[in-house]
Amino acid sequence: MAISNDVLSSTLRILLDEEVDQLFQATPLLSMMRAKGGIETYDGGQKLDVPLILEEHSSITQLDSGYEPVNLAVKDSLRTASFNWCDFVAPIVLTRSEELSNKGERAIISILEARLKSVMGALQREVEKQVVANSSSILTNLNTFNGLVHGGGVAVTGGKDTGFFENNTVGLQTNTIGGLDKGTFERLNNQYQVSAAIGDQIEDMTKLYVACQINSPNGRGPDLIICSTNYFTNYKDLIQANNERYVDDTQLDAGRLSLMFNGAALHVDPFLGQAQQGDGTATAGNLVGAYFLNTEYMKIAFDSAAQFEMEDFEHVSGYASRSANIYTRMQVYFSHMASQGLHTGPFDTV
């Protein structure tokens, strides 16, 4: 007797939990955000709205004699960053011919288990490359960190004028994030540091870290650095002579040793590199080296009912097959941008 849709669905849901845990480790941003509590869930809603305090509400009046008039001029200090959800789906399909060619329930489950791994891997890799590099041609509704621009404010190839991180100094950033203009609200500007030469990397990392820390509401600097391969390699080379330090992050990454900078682990992201970041010139400011993230204020949100959720298997009308969809509703959002940083420089070549 053929294995029922209910049995297929329940069996793969058990495997799905295992695969989510395992495949998160294959995508550095997703895995580390999850490990650091940067994944949040919400119940429904058409949009994801985040309240932000962006202006001073009132002015301070010094009292010399006590009879001075109080300045009652006030502003509405609260603004709302609004983000649309990104919905996407991918199917797991089993044809009738495959069922007949692979007798036995265990054989069928094995086929679907392999396809589940493939689908979950593809989904999460697509998410990762869109968020860090804006290089997905599919998930264009998903927010991206990559807001690289030319000096004239035009997005470079791979950059996006709604990307969170901009390669301009504080006060000169113009991207629109969450529906709010960085040019209007300076506190929405990310910290930015550009290195003119490889040898400047560590000093410039310190400058960027300090800038993020002194602007952080929790008083702490970035706790996660997502970087390109060359950025990681250059950093390792610079500290290797009597200065190299490792930390065993067994609990987070299966025993892999990672380089640290001021308590923040550097994690190489395979989707950060010249193909997504360069604009055709060798200008240092147009190549991403690393994102310095304070994960308390940078989040990945999922709908509680659609976090890589597998629907029930159903027979496909008009076809000799049955399928189940993996459905996801998610978005990347921030609650504080001034504590986040972008480091660019000649870490890659174009």
C-alpha atoms as a PDB file:
ATOM      1  CA  MET A   1       0.000   0.000   0.000  1.00  0.00           C
ATOM      2  CA  ALA A   2       1.329   3.445  -0.921  1.00  0.00           C
ATOM      3  CA  ILE A   3       2.464   5.654   1.920  1.00  0.00           C
ATOM      4  CA  SER A   4      -0.226   8.231   2.712  1.00  0.00           C
ATOM      5  CA  ASN A   5       0.112  11.995   2.395  1.00  0.00           C
ATOM      6  CA  ASP A   6      -0.450  12.345   6.147  1.00  0.00           C
ATOM      7  CA  VAL A   7       2.427  10.000   6.975  1.00  0.00           C
ATOM      8  CA  LEU A   8       4.712  11.722   4.477  1.00  0.00           C
ATOM      9  CA  SER A   9       3.862  15.137   5.900  1.00  0.00           C
ATOM     10  CA  SER A  10       4.317  14.177   9.550  1.00  0.00           C
ATOM     11  CA  THR A  11       7.585  12.323   8.886  1.00  0.00           C
ATOM     12  CA  LEU A  12       9.171  15.183   6.951  1.00  0.00           C
ATOM     13  CA  ARG A  13       8.068  17.711   9.560  1.00  0.00           C
ATOM     14  CA  ILE A  14      10.179  15.828  12.091  1.00  0.00           C
ATOM     15  CA  LEU A  15      13.128  15.970   9.690  1.00  0.00           C
ATOM     16  CA  LEU A  16      12.419  19.621   8.905  1.00  0.00           C
ATOM     17  CA  ASP A  17      13.275  20.735  12.438  1.00  0.00           C
ATOM     18  CA  GLU A  18      16.597  18.934  12.184  1.00  0.00           C
ATOM     19  CA  GLU A  19      17.339  20.403   8.765  1.00  0.00           C
ATOM     20  CA  VAL A  20      16.602  23.987   9.832  1.00  0.00           C
ATOM     21  CA  ASP A  21      19.122  23.680  12.673  1.00  0.00           C
ATOM     22  CA  GLN A  22      21.726  22.083  10.464  1.00  0.00           C
ATOM     23  CA  LEU A  23      21.355  24.336   7.448  1.00  0.00           C
ATOM     24  CA  PHE A  24      21.422  27.524   9.485  1.00  0.00           C
ATOM     25  CA  GLN A  25      25.057  26.644  10.195  1.00  0.00           C
ATOM     26  CA  ALA A  26      25.819  26.730   6.484  1.00  0.00           C
ATOM     27  CA  THR A  27      24.826  30.408   6.233  1.00  0.00           C
ATOM     28  CA  PRO A  28      26.906  32.580   8.610  1.00  0.00           C
ATOM     29  CA  LEU A  29      24.534  35.517   9.018  1.00  0.00           C
ATOM     30  CA  LEU A  30      21.481  33.351   9.615  1.00  0.00           C
ATOM     31  CA  SER A  31      23.296  30.951  11.910  1.00  0.00           C
ATOM     32  CA  MET A  32      24.917  33.628  14.082  1.00  0.00           C
ATOM     33  CA  MET A  33      21.804  35.778  14.285  1.00  0.00           C
ATOM     34  CA  ARG A  34      19.944  32.733  15.496  1.00  0.00           C
ATOM     35  CA  ALA A  35      22.651  31.847  18.023  1.00  0.00           C
ATOM     36  CA  LYS A  36      22.707  35.418  19.376  1.00  0.00           C
ATOM     37  CA  GLY A  37      18.929  35.764  19.699  1.00  0.00           C
ATOM     38  CA  GLY A  38      18.579  37.902  16.604  1.00  0.00           C
ATOM     39  CA  ILE A  39      15.683  35.841  15.214  1.00  0.00           C
ATOM     40  CA  GLU A  40      12.232  37.028  16.261  1.00  0.00           C
ATOM     41  CA  THR A  41       8.729  35.784  15.438  1.00  0.00           C
ATOM     42  CA  TYR A  42       5.499  37.718  14.998  1.00  0.00           C
ATOM     43  CA  ASP A  43       1.878  36.645  14.698  1.00  0.00           C
ATOM     44  CA  GLY A  44       0.441  37.942  11.456  1.00  0.00           C
ATOM     45  CA  GLY A  45       0.135  41.558  10.373  1.00  0.00           C
ATOM     46  CA  GLN A  46       0.238  43.162   6.957  1.00  0.00           C
ATOM     47  CA  LYS A  47       3.447  45.066   7.703  1.00  0.00           C
ATOM     48  CA  LEU A  48       6.253  45.044  10.232  1.00  0.00           C
ATOM     49  CA  ASP A  49       6.227  48.436  11.986  1.00  0.00           C
ATOM     50  CA  VAL A  50       9.121  49.497  14.226  1.00  0.00           C
ATOM     51  CA  PRO A  51       8.805  52.679  16.351  1.00  0.00           C
ATOM     52  CA  LEU A  52      11.983  54.809  16.413  1.00  0.00           C
ATOM     53  CA  ILE A  53      12.888  57.913  18.441  1.00  0.00           C
ATOM     54  CA  LEU A  54      14.679  60.136  15.931  1.00  0.00           C
ATOM     55  CA  GLU A  55      14.376  63.699  17.281  1.00  0.00           C
ATOM     56  CA  GLU A  56      14.534  65.564  20.575  1.00  0.00           C
ATOM     57  CA  HIS A  57      11.001  66.158  21.894  1.00  0.00           C
ATOM     58  CA  SER A  58      11.611  69.509  23.617  1.00  0.00           C
ATOM     59  CA  SER A  59      14.283  72.100  24.405  1.00  0.00           C
ATOM     60  CA  ILE A  60      16.032  72.746  27.723  1.00  0.00           C
ATOM     61  CA  THR A  61      15.683  76.150  29.401  1.00  0.00           C
ATOM     62  CA  GLN A  62      18.348  77.268  31.880  1.00  0.00           C
ATOM     63  CA  LEU A  63      16.935  79.135  34.857  1.00  0.00           C
ATOM     64  CA  ASP A  64      19.155  81.944  36.155  1.00  0.00           C
ATOM     65  CA  SER A  65      16.689  83.964  38.179  1.00  0.00           C
ATOM     66  CA  GLY A  66      13.810  81.525  38.077  1.00  0.00           C
ATOM     67  CA  TYR A  67      11.594  83.948  36.137  1.00  0.00           C
ATOM     68  CA  GLU A  68      12.764  82.981  32.650  1.00  0.00           C
ATOM     69  CA  PRO A  69      10.002  81.813  30.274  1.00  0.00           C
ATOM     70  CA  VAL A  70      10.122  78.077  29.578  1.00  0.00           C
ATOM     71  CA  ASN A  71      10.641  77.170  25.936  1.00  0.00           C
ATOM     72  CA  LEU A  72       7.535  75.146  25.102  1.00  0.00           C
ATOM     73  CA  ALA A  73       8.474  74.436  21.476  1.00  0.00           C
ATOM     74  CA  VAL A  74       8.173  70.661  20.968  1.00  0.00           C
ATOM     75  CA  LYS A  75       8.489  68.114  18.184  1.00  0.00           C
ATOM     76  CA  ASP A  76       7.030  64.681  17.667  1.00  0.00           C
ATOM     77  CA  SER A  77      10.108  62.597  18.383  1.00  0.00           C
ATOM     78  CA  LEU A  78       8.591  59.263  17.363  1.00  0.00           C
ATOM     79  CA  ARG A  79       8.697  57.929  13.808  1.00  0.00           C
ATOM     80  CA  THR A  80       7.770  54.502  12.465  1.00  0.00           C
ATOM     81  CA  ALA A  81       9.913  52.446  10.133  1.00  0.00           C
ATOM     82  CA  SER A  82       7.591  50.242   8.108  1.00  0.00           C
ATOM     83  CA  PHE A  83       8.643  47.056   6.332  1.00  0.00           C
ATOM     84  CA  ASN A  84       6.618  44.861   3.994  1.00  0.00           C
ATOM     85  CA  TRP A  85       6.915  41.127   4.538  1.00  0.00           C
ATOM     86  CA  CYS A  86       8.737  39.018   1.985  1.00  0.00           C
ATOM     87  CA  ASP A  87       6.790  35.832   1.140  1.00  0.00           C
ATOM     88  CA  PHE A  88       8.293  32.962  -0.807  1.00  0.00           C
ATOM     89  CA  VAL A  89       7.712  29.277  -1.381  1.00  0.00           C
ATOM     90  CA  ALA A  90       9.479  26.234  -2.837  1.00  0.00           C
ATOM     91  CA  PRO A  91       7.915  22.788  -3.468  1.00  0.00           C
ATOM     92  CA  ILE A  92       9.056  19.269  -2.651  1.00  0.00           C
ATOM     93  CA  VAL A  93       7.739  16.982  -5.410  1.00  0.00           C
ATOM     94  CA  LEU A  94       7.429  13.213  -5.695  1.00  0.00           C
ATOM     95  CA  THR A  95       6.179  11.638  -8.924  1.00  0.00           C
ATOM     96  CA  ARG A  96       4.173   8.415  -9.158  1.00  0.00           C
ATOM     97  CA  SER A  97       6.875   6.939 -11.376  1.00  0.00           C
ATOM     98  CA  GLU A  98       9.466   7.494  -8.638  1.00  0.00           C
ATOM     99  CA  GLU A  99       7.227   5.808  -6.104  1.00  0.00           C
ATOM    100  CA  LEU A 100       6.866   2.730  -8.311  1.00  0.00           C
ATOM    101  CA  SER A 101      10.599   2.635  -9.013  1.00  0.00           C
ATOM    102  CA  ASN A 102      11.487   2.824  -5.303  1.00  0.00           C
ATOM    103  CA  LYS A 103       9.429   0.225  -3.501  1.00  0.00           C
ATOM    104  CA  GLY A 104       9.039   0.539   0.236  1.00  0.00           C
ATOM    105  CA  GLU A 105       8.206   3.389   2.563  1.00  0.00           C
ATOM    106  CA  ARG A 106      11.825   3.827   3.684  1.00  0.00           C
ATOM    107  CA  ALA A 107      13.023   4.302   0.105  1.00  0.00           C
ATOM    108  CA  ILE A 108      10.388   6.968  -0.556  1.00  0.00           C
ATOM    109  CA  ILE A 109      11.195   8.764   2.699  1.00  0.00           C
ATOM    110  CA  SER A 110      14.896   8.737   1.790  1.00  0.00           C
ATOM    111  CA  ILE A 111      14.173  10.385  -1.556  1.00  0.00           C
ATOM    112  CA  LEU A 112      12.060  13.083   0.068  1.00  0.00           C
ATOM    113  CA  GLU A 113      14.598  13.603   2.847  1.00  0.00           C
ATOM    114  CA  ALA A 114      17.278  14.343   0.251  1.00  0.00           C
ATOM    115  CA  ARG A 115      14.943  16.748  -1.546  1.00  0.00           C
ATOM    116  CA  LEU A 116      14.057  18.427   1.733  1.00  0.00           C
ATOM    117  CA  LYS A 117      17.747  19.067   2.376  1.00  0.00           C
ATOM    118  CA  SER A 118      18.136  20.470  -1.112  1.00  0.00           C
ATOM    119  CA  VAL A 119      15.126  22.773  -0.853  1.00  0.00           C
ATOM    120  CA  MET A 120      16.021  24.032   2.621  1.00  0.00           C
ATOM    121  CA  GLY A 121      19.604  24.686   1.554  1.00  0.00           C
ATOM    122  CA  ALA A 122      18.484  26.578  -1.537  1.00  0.00           C
ATOM    123  CA  LEU A 123      15.997  28.704   0.404  1.00  0.00           C
ATOM    124  CA  GLN A 124      18.439  29.748   3.081  1.00  0.00           C
ATOM    125  CA  ARG A 125      21.292  30.425   0.674  1.00  0.00           C
ATOM    126  CA  GLU A 126      18.960  32.644  -1.351  1.00  0.00           C
ATOM    127  CA  VAL A 127      18.011  34.538   1.799  1.00  0.00           C
ATOM    128  CA  GLU A 128      21.643  34.977   2.828  1.00  0.00           C
ATOM    129  CA  LYS A 129      22.868  36.300  -0.500  1.00  0.00           C
ATOM    130  CA  GLN A 130      20.000  38.783  -0.751  1.00  0.00           C
ATOM    131  CA  VAL A 131      20.487  40.163   2.760  1.00  0.00           C
ATOM    132  CA  VAL A 132      24.278  40.585   2.638  1.00  0.00           C
ATOM    133  CA  ALA A 133      24.805  41.321  -1.053  1.00  0.00           C
ATOM    134  CA  ASN A 134      21.482  42.186  -2.720  1.00  0.00           C
ATOM    135  CA  SER A 135      22.353  39.567  -5.322  1.00  0.00           C
ATOM    136  CA  SER A 136      19.153  37.498  -5.408  1.00  0.00           C
ATOM    137  CA  SER A 137      17.093  37.847  -8.572  1.00  0.00           C
ATOM    138  CA  ILE A 138      14.153  36.182  -6.768  1.00  0.00           C
ATOM    139  CA  LEU A 139      13.796  37.620  -3.253  1.00  0.00           C
ATOM    140  CA  THR A 140      13.738  41.270  -4.277  1.00  0.00           C
ATOM    141  CA  ASN A 141      11.184  42.106  -1.543  1.00  0.00           C
ATOM    142  CA  LEU A 142      13.663  41.073   1.141  1.00  0.00           C
ATOM    143  CA  ASN A 143      15.636  43.934   2.671  1.00  0.00           C
ATOM    144  CA  THR A 144      19.374  44.052   2.095  1.00  0.00           C
ATOM    145  CA  PHE A 145      22.358  45.392   4.004  1.00  0.00           C
ATOM    146  CA  ASN A 146      24.015  46.422   0.735  1.00  0.00           C
ATOM    147  CA  GLY A 147      23.210  50.083   0.178  1.00  0.00           C
ATOM    148  CA  LEU A 148      26.455  51.007  -1.583  1.00  0.00           C
ATOM    149  CA  VAL A 149      26.325  54.257  -3.523  1.00  0.00           C
ATOM    150  CA  HIS A 150      28.545  56.448  -5.668  1.00  0.00           C
ATOM    151  CA  GLY A 151      29.554  59.825  -4.347  1.00  0.00           C
ATOM    152  CA  GLY A 152      26.602  61.267  -6.235  1.00  0.00           C
ATOM    153  CA  GLY A 153      24.155  59.117  -4.278  1.00  0.00           C
ATOM    154  CA  VAL A 154      23.418  56.638  -7.091  1.00  0.00           C
ATOM    155  CA  ALA A 155      23.396  52.957  -6.145  1.00  0.00           C
ATOM    156  CA  VAL A 156      26.378  51.047  -7.498  1.00  0.00           C
ATOM    157  CA  THR A 157      26.047  47.685  -9.235  1.00  0.00           C
ATOM    158  CA  GLY A 158      24.894  45.356  -6.445  1.00  0.00           C
ATOM    159  CA  GLY A 159      23.928  48.263  -4.189  1.00  0.00           C
ATOM    160  CA  LYS A 160      20.381  49.410  -3.513  1.00  0.00           C
ATOM    161  CA  ASP A 161      18.995  52.806  -2.561  1.00  0.00           C
ATOM    162  CA  THR A 162      16.994  51.147   0.232  1.00  0.00           C
ATOM    163  CA  GLY A 163      19.968  49.127   1.539  1.00  0.00           C
ATOM    164  CA  PHE A 164      20.654  49.627   5.251  1.00  0.00           C
ATOM    165  CA  PHE A 165      24.434  50.221   5.067  1.00  0.00           C
ATOM    166  CA  GLU A 166      25.738  53.101   2.986  1.00  0.00           C
ATOM    167  CA  ASN A 167      29.337  53.934   2.056  1.00  0.00           C
ATOM    168  CA  ASN A 168      29.093  57.603   2.997  1.00  0.00           C
ATOM    169  CA  THR A 169      30.110  59.411   6.186  1.00  0.00           C
ATOM    170  CA  VAL A 170      27.494  60.181   8.832  1.00  0.00           C
ATOM    171  CA  GLY A 171      25.450  63.180   7.722  1.00  0.00           C
ATOM    172  CA  LEU A 172      25.900  62.525   3.997  1.00  0.00           C
ATOM    173  CA  GLN A 173      23.836  59.349   3.657  1.00  0.00           C
ATOM    174  CA  THR A 174      20.703  59.529   1.522  1.00  0.00           C
ATOM    175  CA  ASN A 175      19.194  56.045   1.289  1.00  0.00           C
ATOM    176  CA  THR A 176      15.589  55.466   2.302  1.00  0.00           C
ATOM    177  CA  ILE A 177      15.249  52.648   4.829  1.00  0.00           C
ATOM    178  CA  GLY A 178      11.951  51.508   6.288  1.00  0.00           C
ATOM    179  CA  GLY A 179      10.305  54.385   4.433  1.00  0.00           C
ATOM    180  CA  LEU A 180      12.439  56.972   6.288  1.00  0.00           C
ATOM    181  CA  ASP A 181      15.068  59.189   4.653  1.00  0.00           C
ATOM    182  CA  LYS A 182      18.588  58.970   6.065  1.00  0.00           C
ATOM    183  CA  GLY A 183      19.177  62.497   4.799  1.00  0.00           C
ATOM    184  CA  THR A 184      16.347  63.808   6.966  1.00  0.00           C
ATOM    185  CA  PHE A 185      17.140  61.770  10.058  1.00  0.00           C
ATOM    186  CA  GLU A 186      20.879  61.635  10.737  1.00  0.00           C
ATOM    187  CA  ARG A 187      20.401  59.082  13.532  1.00  0.00           C
ATOM    188  CA  LEU A 188      19.453  56.597  10.810  1.00  0.00           C
ATOM    189  CA  ASN A 189      22.973  56.848   9.377  1.00  0.00           C
ATOM    190  CA  ASN A 190      25.205  53.813   9.867  1.00  0.00           C
ATOM    191  CA  GLN A 191      28.817  54.283  10.998  1.00  0.00           C
ATOM    192  CA  TYR A 192      31.257  54.090   8.092  1.00  0.00           C
ATOM    193  CA  GLN A 193      34.988  53.567   7.738  1.00  0.00           C
ATOM    194  CA  VAL A 194      37.050  53.228   4.563  1.00  0.00           C
ATOM    195  CA  SER A 195      40.615  51.883   4.529  1.00  0.00           C
ATOM    196  CA  ALA A 196      43.006  53.368   2.008  1.00  0.00           C
ATOM    197  CA  ALA A 197      45.432  50.452   2.307  1.00  0.00           C
ATOM    198  CA  ILE A 198      45.518  46.917   3.674  1.00  0.00           C
ATOM    199  CA  GLY A 199      47.946  47.949   6.423  1.00  0.00           C
ATOM    200  CA  ASP A 200      45.336  50.360   7.814  1.00  0.00           C
ATOM    201  CA  GLN A 201      42.782  47.614   8.424  1.00  0.00           C
ATOM    202  CA  ILE A 202      43.208  47.034  12.173  1.00  0.00           C
ATOM    203  CA  GLU A 203      43.415  50.735  13.059  1.00  0.00           C
ATOM    204  CA  ASP A 204      40.332  51.440  10.951  1.00  0.00           C
ATOM    205  CA  MET A 205      38.477  48.488  12.498  1.00  0.00           C
ATOM    206  CA  THR A 206      39.118  50.065  15.894  1.00  0.00           C
ATOM    207  CA  LYS A 207      37.842  53.443  14.735  1.00  0.00           C
ATOM    208  CA  LEU A 208      34.669  51.856  13.361  1.00  0.00           C
ATOM    209  CA  TYR A 209      34.118  49.725  16.456  1.00  0.00           C
ATOM    210  CA  VAL A 210      34.456  52.736  18.763  1.00  0.00           C
ATOM    211  CA  ALA A 211      32.084  54.812  16.604  1.00  0.00           C
ATOM    212  CA  CYS A 212      29.474  52.058  16.842  1.00  0.00           C
ATOM    213  CA  GLN A 213      30.000  51.626  20.582  1.00  0.00           C
ATOM    214  CA  ILE A 214      29.620  55.285  21.578  1.00  0.00           C
ATOM    215  CA  ASN A 215      26.378  55.445  19.597  1.00  0.00           C
ATOM    216  CA  SER A 216      24.934  52.237  21.019  1.00  0.00           C
ATOM    217  CA  PRO A 217      22.044  52.452  23.524  1.00  0.00           C
ATOM    218  CA  ASN A 218      23.332  49.357  25.328  1.00  0.00           C
ATOM    219  CA  GLY A 219      26.844  50.826  25.617  1.00  0.00           C
ATOM    220  CA  ARG A 220      28.396  47.851  23.862  1.00  0.00           C
ATOM    221  CA  GLY A 221      30.090  47.618  20.509  1.00  0.00           C
ATOM    222  CA  PRO A 222      29.224  45.254  17.654  1.00  0.00           C
ATOM    223  CA  ASP A 223      29.083  41.584  18.629  1.00  0.00           C
ATOM    224  CA  LEU A 224      29.147  40.091  15.125  1.00  0.00           C
ATOM    225  CA  ILE A 225      31.339  40.877  12.102  1.00  0.00           C
ATOM    226  CA  ILE A 226      30.230  39.410   8.767  1.00  0.00           C
ATOM    227  CA  CYS A 227      33.086  39.752   6.302  1.00  0.00           C
ATOM    228  CA  SER A 228      34.455  38.704   2.941  1.00  0.00           C
ATOM    229  CA  THR A 229      37.085  35.991   2.556  1.00  0.00           C
ATOM    230  CA  ASN A 230      39.847  38.474   1.757  1.00  0.00           C
ATOM    231  CA  TYR A 231      38.910  40.710   4.683  1.00  0.00           C
ATOM    232  CA  PHE A 232      39.271  37.736   7.044  1.00  0.00           C
ATOM    233  CA  THR A 233      42.537  36.636   5.433  1.00  0.00           C
ATOM    234  CA  ASN A 234      44.067  40.107   5.553  1.00  0.00           C
ATOM    235  CA  TYR A 235      43.092  40.538   9.193  1.00  0.00           C
ATOM    236  CA  LYS A 236      44.647  37.167  10.078  1.00  0.00           C
ATOM    237  CA  ASP A 237      47.893  38.087   8.308  1.00  0.00           C
ATOM    238  CA  LEU A 238      48.120  41.411  10.152  1.00  0.00           C
ATOM    239  CA  ILE A 239      47.736  39.925  13.627  1.00  0.00           C
ATOM    240  CA  GLN A 240      49.657  36.700  13.056  1.00  0.00           C
ATOM    241  CA  ALA A 241      53.025  37.888  14.418  1.00  0.00           C
ATOM    242  CA  ASN A 242      52.768  37.336  18.194  1.00  0.00           C
ATOM    243  CA  ASN A 243      49.300  38.810  18.329  1.00  0.00           C
ATOM    244  CA  GLU A 244      47.041  36.097  16.994  1.00  0.00           C
ATOM    245  CA  ARG A 245      44.170  35.050  19.244  1.00  0.00           C
ATOM    246  CA  TYR A 246      41.587  32.317  18.765  1.00  0.00           C
ATOM    247  CA  VAL A 247      38.423  31.418  20.607  1.00  0.00           C
ATOM    248  CA  ASP A 248      36.799  28.011  20.576  1.00  0.00           C
ATOM    249  CA  ASP A 249      33.162  28.672  19.705  1.00  0.00           C
ATOM    250  CA  THR A 250      32.173  24.999  19.961  1.00  0.00           C
ATOM    251  CA  GLN A 251      28.673  25.829  21.104  1.00  0.00           C
ATOM    252  CA  LEU A 252      27.988  27.925  18.024  1.00  0.00           C
ATOM    253  CA  ASP A 253      29.781  26.347  15.140  1.00  0.00           C
ATOM    254  CA  ALA A 254      30.721  22.698  15.661  1.00  0.00           C
ATOM    255  CA  GLY A 255      34.204  23.323  17.005  1.00  0.00           C
ATOM    256  CA  ARG A 256      35.483  25.691  14.347  1.00  0.00           C
ATOM    257  CA  LEU A 257      38.044  28.193  15.593  1.00  0.00           C
ATOM    258  CA  SER A 258      37.260  31.828  14.776  1.00  0.00           C
ATOM    259  CA  LEU A 259      39.226  35.048  14.851  1.00  0.00           C
ATOM    260  CA  MET A 260      37.948  37.705  17.230  1.00  0.00           C
ATOM    261  CA  PHE A 261      38.060  41.487  17.305  1.00  0.00           C
ATOM    262  CA  ASN A 262      37.164  43.188  20.615  1.00  0.00           C
ATOM    263  CA  GLY A 263      34.888  40.313  21.553  1.00  0.00           C
ATOM    264  CA  ALA A 264      33.161  40.100  18.167  1.00  0.00           C
ATOM    265  CA  ALA A 265      33.769  36.975  16.084  1.00  0.00           C
ATOM    266  CA  LEU A 266      34.617  37.381  12.397  1.00  0.00           C
ATOM    267  CA  HIS A 267      32.580  35.100  10.154  1.00  0.00           C
ATOM    268  CA  VAL A 268      33.304  34.736   6.451  1.00  0.00           C
ATOM    269  CA  ASP A 269      30.221  34.982   4.254  1.00  0.00           C
ATOM    270  CA  PRO A 270      30.503  33.262   0.859  1.00  0.00           C
ATOM    271  CA  PHE A 271      28.211  35.830  -0.746  1.00  0.00           C
ATOM    272  CA  LEU A 272      30.311  38.838   0.211  1.00  0.00           C
ATOM    273  CA  GLY A 273      32.776  39.515  -2.566  1.00  0.00           C
ATOM    274  CA  GLN A 274      33.663  41.606  -5.542  1.00  0.00           C
ATOM    275  CA  ALA A 275      31.051  40.135  -7.923  1.00  0.00           C
ATOM    276  CA  GLN A 276      28.182  41.554  -5.854  1.00  0.00           C
ATOM    277  CA  GLN A 277      29.918  44.562  -4.342  1.00  0.00           C
ATOM    278  CA  GLY A 278      32.037  46.226  -7.006  1.00  0.00           C
ATOM    279  CA  ASP A 279      30.785  48.856  -9.405  1.00  0.00           C
ATOM    280  CA  GLY A 280      33.441  48.310 -12.068  1.00  0.00           C
ATOM    281  CA  THR A 281      36.085  50.540 -10.525  1.00  0.00           C
ATOM    282  CA  ALA A 282      38.871  49.801  -8.062  1.00  0.00           C
ATOM    283  CA  THR A 283      37.720  52.533  -5.667  1.00  0.00           C
ATOM    284  CA  ALA A 284      38.151  51.355  -2.079  1.00  0.00           C
ATOM    285  CA  GLY A 285      34.829  52.831  -0.959  1.00  0.00           C
ATOM    286  CA  ASN A 286      32.904  50.670  -3.406  1.00  0.00           C
ATOM    287  CA  LEU A 287      34.032  47.279  -2.038  1.00  0.00           C
ATOM    288  CA  VAL A 288      32.472  45.814   1.099  1.00  0.00           C
ATOM    289  CA  GLY A 289      34.925  44.356   3.580  1.00  0.00           C
ATOM    290  CA  ALA A 290      32.657  43.755   6.548  1.00  0.00           C
ATOM    291  CA  TYR A 291      29.426  44.598   8.304  1.00  0.00           C
ATOM    292  CA  PHE A 292      29.843  45.367  12.022  1.00  0.00           C
ATOM    293  CA  LEU A 293      26.550  44.283  13.586  1.00  0.00           C
ATOM    294  CA  ASN A 294      25.046  44.925  16.994  1.00  0.00           C
ATOM    295  CA  THR A 295      22.566  42.054  17.001  1.00  0.00           C
ATOM    296  CA  GLU A 296      20.471  43.574  19.782  1.00  0.00           C
ATOM    297  CA  TYR A 297      19.286  46.171  17.288  1.00  0.00           C
ATOM    298  CA  MET A 298      19.477  44.275  13.985  1.00  0.00           C
ATOM    299  CA  LYS A 299      16.900  41.499  13.647  1.00  0.00           C
ATOM    300  CA  ILE A 300      15.512  38.870  11.300  1.00  0.00           C
ATOM    301  CA  ALA A 301      11.767  38.498  11.689  1.00  0.00           C
ATOM    302  CA  PHE A 302       9.605  35.517  10.770  1.00  0.00           C
ATOM    303  CA  ASP A 303       5.872  35.021  10.881  1.00  0.00           C
ATOM    304  CA  SER A 304       5.304  32.430  13.605  1.00  0.00           C
ATOM    305  CA  ALA A 305       3.307  30.265  11.176  1.00  0.00           C
ATOM    306  CA  ALA A 306       5.704  30.595   8.241  1.00  0.00           C
ATOM    307  CA  GLN A 307       9.289  30.021   9.356  1.00  0.00           C
ATOM    308  CA  PHE A 308      10.270  27.561   6.637  1.00  0.00           C
ATOM    309  CA  GLU A 309       6.929  25.900   7.321  1.00  0.00           C
ATOM    310  CA  MET A 310       6.110  22.724   5.396  1.00  0.00           C
ATOM    311  CA  GLU A 311       2.518  22.404   4.252  1.00  0.00           C
ATOM    312  CA  ASP A 312       0.720  19.062   3.834  1.00  0.00           C
ATOM    313  CA  PHE A 313       1.456  16.810   0.882  1.00  0.00           C
ATOM    314  CA  GLU A 314      -1.281  16.885  -1.733  1.00  0.00           C
ATOM    315  CA  HIS A 315      -1.805  15.225  -5.074  1.00  0.00           C
ATOM    316  CA  VAL A 316      -1.162  17.671  -7.896  1.00  0.00           C
ATOM    317  CA  SER A 317      -4.228  18.052 -10.073  1.00  0.00           C
ATOM    318  CA  GLY A 318      -3.593  16.945 -13.657  1.00  0.00           C
ATOM    319  CA  TYR A 319      -0.211  15.347 -12.857  1.00  0.00           C
ATOM    320  CA  ALA A 320       0.865  11.938 -11.591  1.00  0.00           C
ATOM    321  CA  SER A 321       2.683  13.432  -8.629  1.00  0.00           C
ATOM    322  CA  ARG A 322       2.214  14.918  -5.199  1.00  0.00           C
ATOM    323  CA  SER A 323       3.959  17.829  -3.534  1.00  0.00           C
ATOM    324  CA  ALA A 324       4.284  19.896  -0.381  1.00  0.00           C
ATOM    325  CA  ASN A 325       5.338  23.546  -0.245  1.00  0.00           C
ATOM    326  CA  ILE A 326       7.926  25.035   2.108  1.00  0.00           C
ATOM    327  CA  TYR A 327       6.430  28.453   2.875  1.00  0.00           C
ATOM    328  CA  THR A 328       8.272  31.388   4.457  1.00  0.00           C
ATOM    329  CA  ARG A 329       7.285  34.916   5.465  1.00  0.00           C
ATOM    330  CA  MET A 330      10.186  36.960   6.779  1.00  0.00           C
ATOM    331  CA  GLN A 331      11.953  40.309   6.766  1.00  0.00           C
ATOM    332  CA  VAL A 332      15.164  41.917   8.008  1.00  0.00           C
ATOM    333  CA  TYR A 333      14.707  45.048  10.091  1.00  0.00           C
ATOM    334  CA  PHE A 334      16.546  47.341  12.499  1.00  0.00           C
ATOM    335  CA  SER A 335      15.642  49.188  15.674  1.00  0.00           C
ATOM    336  CA  HIS A 336      18.862  51.244  15.820  1.00  0.00           C
ATOM    337  CA  MET A 337      21.194  52.006  12.902  1.00  0.00           C
ATOM    338  CA  ALA A 338      23.771  54.349  14.459  1.00  0.00           C
ATOM    339  CA  SER A 339      25.248  51.393  16.371  1.00  0.00           C
ATOM    340  CA  GLN A 340      25.878  49.416  13.149  1.00  0.00           C
ATOM    341  CA  GLY A 341      28.924  49.814  10.913  1.00  0.00           C
ATOM    342  CA  LEU A 342      30.224  49.263   7.383  1.00  0.00           C
ATOM    343  CA  HIS A 343      33.914  48.842   6.559  1.00  0.00           C
ATOM    344  CA  THR A 344      35.058  49.178   2.959  1.00  0.00           C
ATOM    345  CA  GLY A 345      38.466  49.202   1.383  1.00  0.00           C
ATOM    346  CA  PRO A 346      40.859  47.404  -0.957  1.00  0.00           C
ATOM    347  CA  PHE A 347      40.149  43.977   0.539  1.00  0.00           C
ATOM    348  CA  ASP A 348      39.179  42.622  -2.871  1.00  0.00           C
ATOM    349  CA  THR A 349      40.105  43.698  -6.386  1.00  0.00           C
ATOM    350  CA  VAL A 350      37.864  44.173  -9.402  1.00  0.00           C
END
